[in-house]
C-alpha cells in the first residue's frame, strides 16, 4: 500500500514556533496522514510491517532531521493501526528525494514474522 500526501515536512528540531503554531502544524500533518490512509483501506497490509516514509522537498535534510520531520507521520500510521510505534511489529525506514514540490510518500508492506 502506497499513499502520497502533498504536505511539507519541515525539520522540527530547528523550529522555534509558538506552541499554538506547532500544535496546528502537528494536527494538520496527522489529519492529512489519517485521511490518506482511510481513503486506501481496501489494501491494508497485516502486521508485521515495513513502513517507509519518504520525504520529498526542494533540498535534503541531514539524516537525524529527516527522521524528526516524519515524527507525526509515524505517529499517525501507528494510531491508524492502533499499535504503538515502538512495537516490534514495525520496521521503520526513512528516505528522501529532491523534488520541485513538497510531499511525503508512505509505503506500508507486510513482512514475514
Protein backbone atom coordinates (compact mmCIF):
# COMPACT_ATOMS: atom_id res chain seq x y z
CA UNK A 1 0.00 0.00 0.00
CA UNK A 2 1.42 3.37 -1.00
CA UNK A 3 -0.06 6.80 -0.35
CA UNK A 4 1.22 10.22 -1.36
CA UNK A 5 0.35 13.33 0.63
CA UNK A 6 1.24 16.84 -0.61
CA UNK A 7 2.43 18.24 2.72
CA UNK A 8 5.68 19.83 3.80
CA UNK A 9 7.73 18.01 6.43
CA UNK A 10 10.00 20.66 7.96
CA UNK A 11 12.82 19.88 10.34
CA UNK A 12 11.06 20.05 13.70
CA UNK A 13 14.31 20.04 15.66
CA UNK A 14 15.31 23.50 14.45
CA UNK A 15 11.91 25.17 14.50
CA UNK A 16 11.17 27.88 17.03
CA UNK A 17 7.40 28.14 16.87
CA UNK A 18 4.85 29.36 19.33
CA UNK A 19 3.16 26.36 20.92
CA UNK A 20 -0.12 27.09 19.10
CA UNK A 21 1.59 27.25 15.72
CA UNK A 22 3.40 23.97 16.47
CA UNK A 23 0.10 22.40 17.51
CA UNK A 24 -1.52 23.50 14.22
CA UNK A 25 1.39 22.00 12.26
CA UNK A 26 1.18 18.74 14.19
CA UNK A 27 -2.59 18.46 13.79
CA UNK A 28 -2.52 19.26 10.07
CA UNK A 29 0.12 16.59 9.41
CA UNK A 30 -1.68 13.97 11.49
CA UNK A 31 -5.07 14.74 9.91
CA UNK A 32 -3.64 14.60 6.38
CA UNK A 33 -2.00 11.22 7.00
CA UNK A 34 -5.07 9.68 8.62
CA UNK A 35 -7.29 10.93 5.79
CA UNK A 36 -4.98 9.50 3.13
CA UNK A 37 -4.75 6.15 4.90
CA UNK A 38 -8.53 5.96 5.39
CA UNK A 39 -9.05 6.52 1.67
CA UNK A 40 -6.97 3.39 0.90
CA UNK A 41 -8.45 0.95 3.40
CA UNK A 42 -9.18 -1.80 0.87
CA UNK A 43 -5.49 -2.75 0.57
CA UNK A 44 -4.42 -2.78 4.22
CA UNK A 45 -1.32 -4.91 4.87
CA UNK A 46 -1.44 -7.02 8.02
CA UNK A 47 1.34 -6.70 10.65
CA UNK A 48 4.25 -7.26 10.97
CA UNK A 49 5.04 -4.33 8.68
CA UNK A 50 7.80 -2.45 6.96
CA UNK A 51 6.84 1.23 6.80
CA UNK A 52 8.90 3.51 4.56
CA UNK A 53 8.39 7.25 4.94
CA UNK A 54 9.84 9.18 2.00
CA UNK A 55 10.17 12.94 2.45
CA UNK A 56 10.19 14.99 -0.75
CA UNK A 57 11.34 18.57 -0.83
CA UNK A 58 13.48 21.15 -2.53
CA UNK A 59 16.53 20.06 -0.54
CA UNK A 60 17.56 17.14 1.59
CA UNK A 61 17.85 17.29 5.36
CA UNK A 62 20.59 15.56 7.31
CA UNK A 63 19.60 12.09 8.46
CA UNK A 64 18.54 12.91 12.03
CA UNK A 65 16.44 15.92 10.95
CA UNK A 66 14.82 13.82 8.22
CA UNK A 67 13.68 11.30 10.82
CA UNK A 68 12.45 14.02 13.19
CA UNK A 69 10.50 15.69 10.38
CA UNK A 70 8.49 12.47 9.95
CA UNK A 71 7.54 12.14 13.64
CA UNK A 72 3.84 12.96 13.24
CA UNK A 73 3.58 10.84 10.09
CA UNK A 74 4.95 7.88 12.04
CA UNK A 75 2.63 8.59 14.98
CA UNK A 76 -0.36 8.69 12.63
CA UNK A 77 0.48 5.39 10.96
CA UNK A 78 0.77 3.77 14.39
CA UNK A 79 -2.52 5.33 15.51
CA UNK A 80 -4.23 4.09 12.34
CA UNK A 81 -3.10 0.53 13.10
CA UNK A 82 -3.76 1.03 16.83
CA UNK A 83 -0.32 -0.42 17.59
CA UNK A 84 2.34 1.61 19.45
CA UNK A 85 5.03 2.90 17.08
CA UNK A 86 7.73 1.36 19.31
CA UNK A 87 6.36 -2.14 18.73
CA UNK A 88 8.48 -4.83 17.12
CA UNK A 89 5.65 -5.28 14.61
CA UNK A 90 7.07 -2.27 12.71
CA UNK A 91 10.30 -1.82 10.85
CA UNK A 92 10.60 1.91 10.15
CA UNK A 93 12.58 3.16 7.15
CA UNK A 94 13.23 6.73 6.06
CA UNK A 95 14.10 8.06 2.62
CA UNK A 96 14.43 11.47 0.99
CA UNK A 97 14.16 12.78 -2.53
CA UNK A 98 14.69 16.17 -4.10
CA UNK A 99 11.57 17.35 -5.89
CA UNK A 100 10.05 20.62 -7.05
CA UNK A 101 7.02 20.01 -4.82
CA UNK A 102 6.84 19.16 -1.12
CA UNK A 103 5.24 15.89 -0.13
CA UNK A 104 5.52 12.60 1.68
CA UNK A 105 5.09 9.09 0.37
CA UNK A 106 4.17 6.36 2.84
CA UNK A 107 4.75 2.78 1.75
CA UNK A 108 3.37 0.07 4.03
CA UNK A 109 4.30 -3.51 3.25
CA UNK A 110 3.67 -6.76 5.09
CA UNK A 111 6.81 -8.62 6.12
CA UNK A 112 7.39 -12.12 7.37
CA UNK A 113 7.36 -12.58 11.13
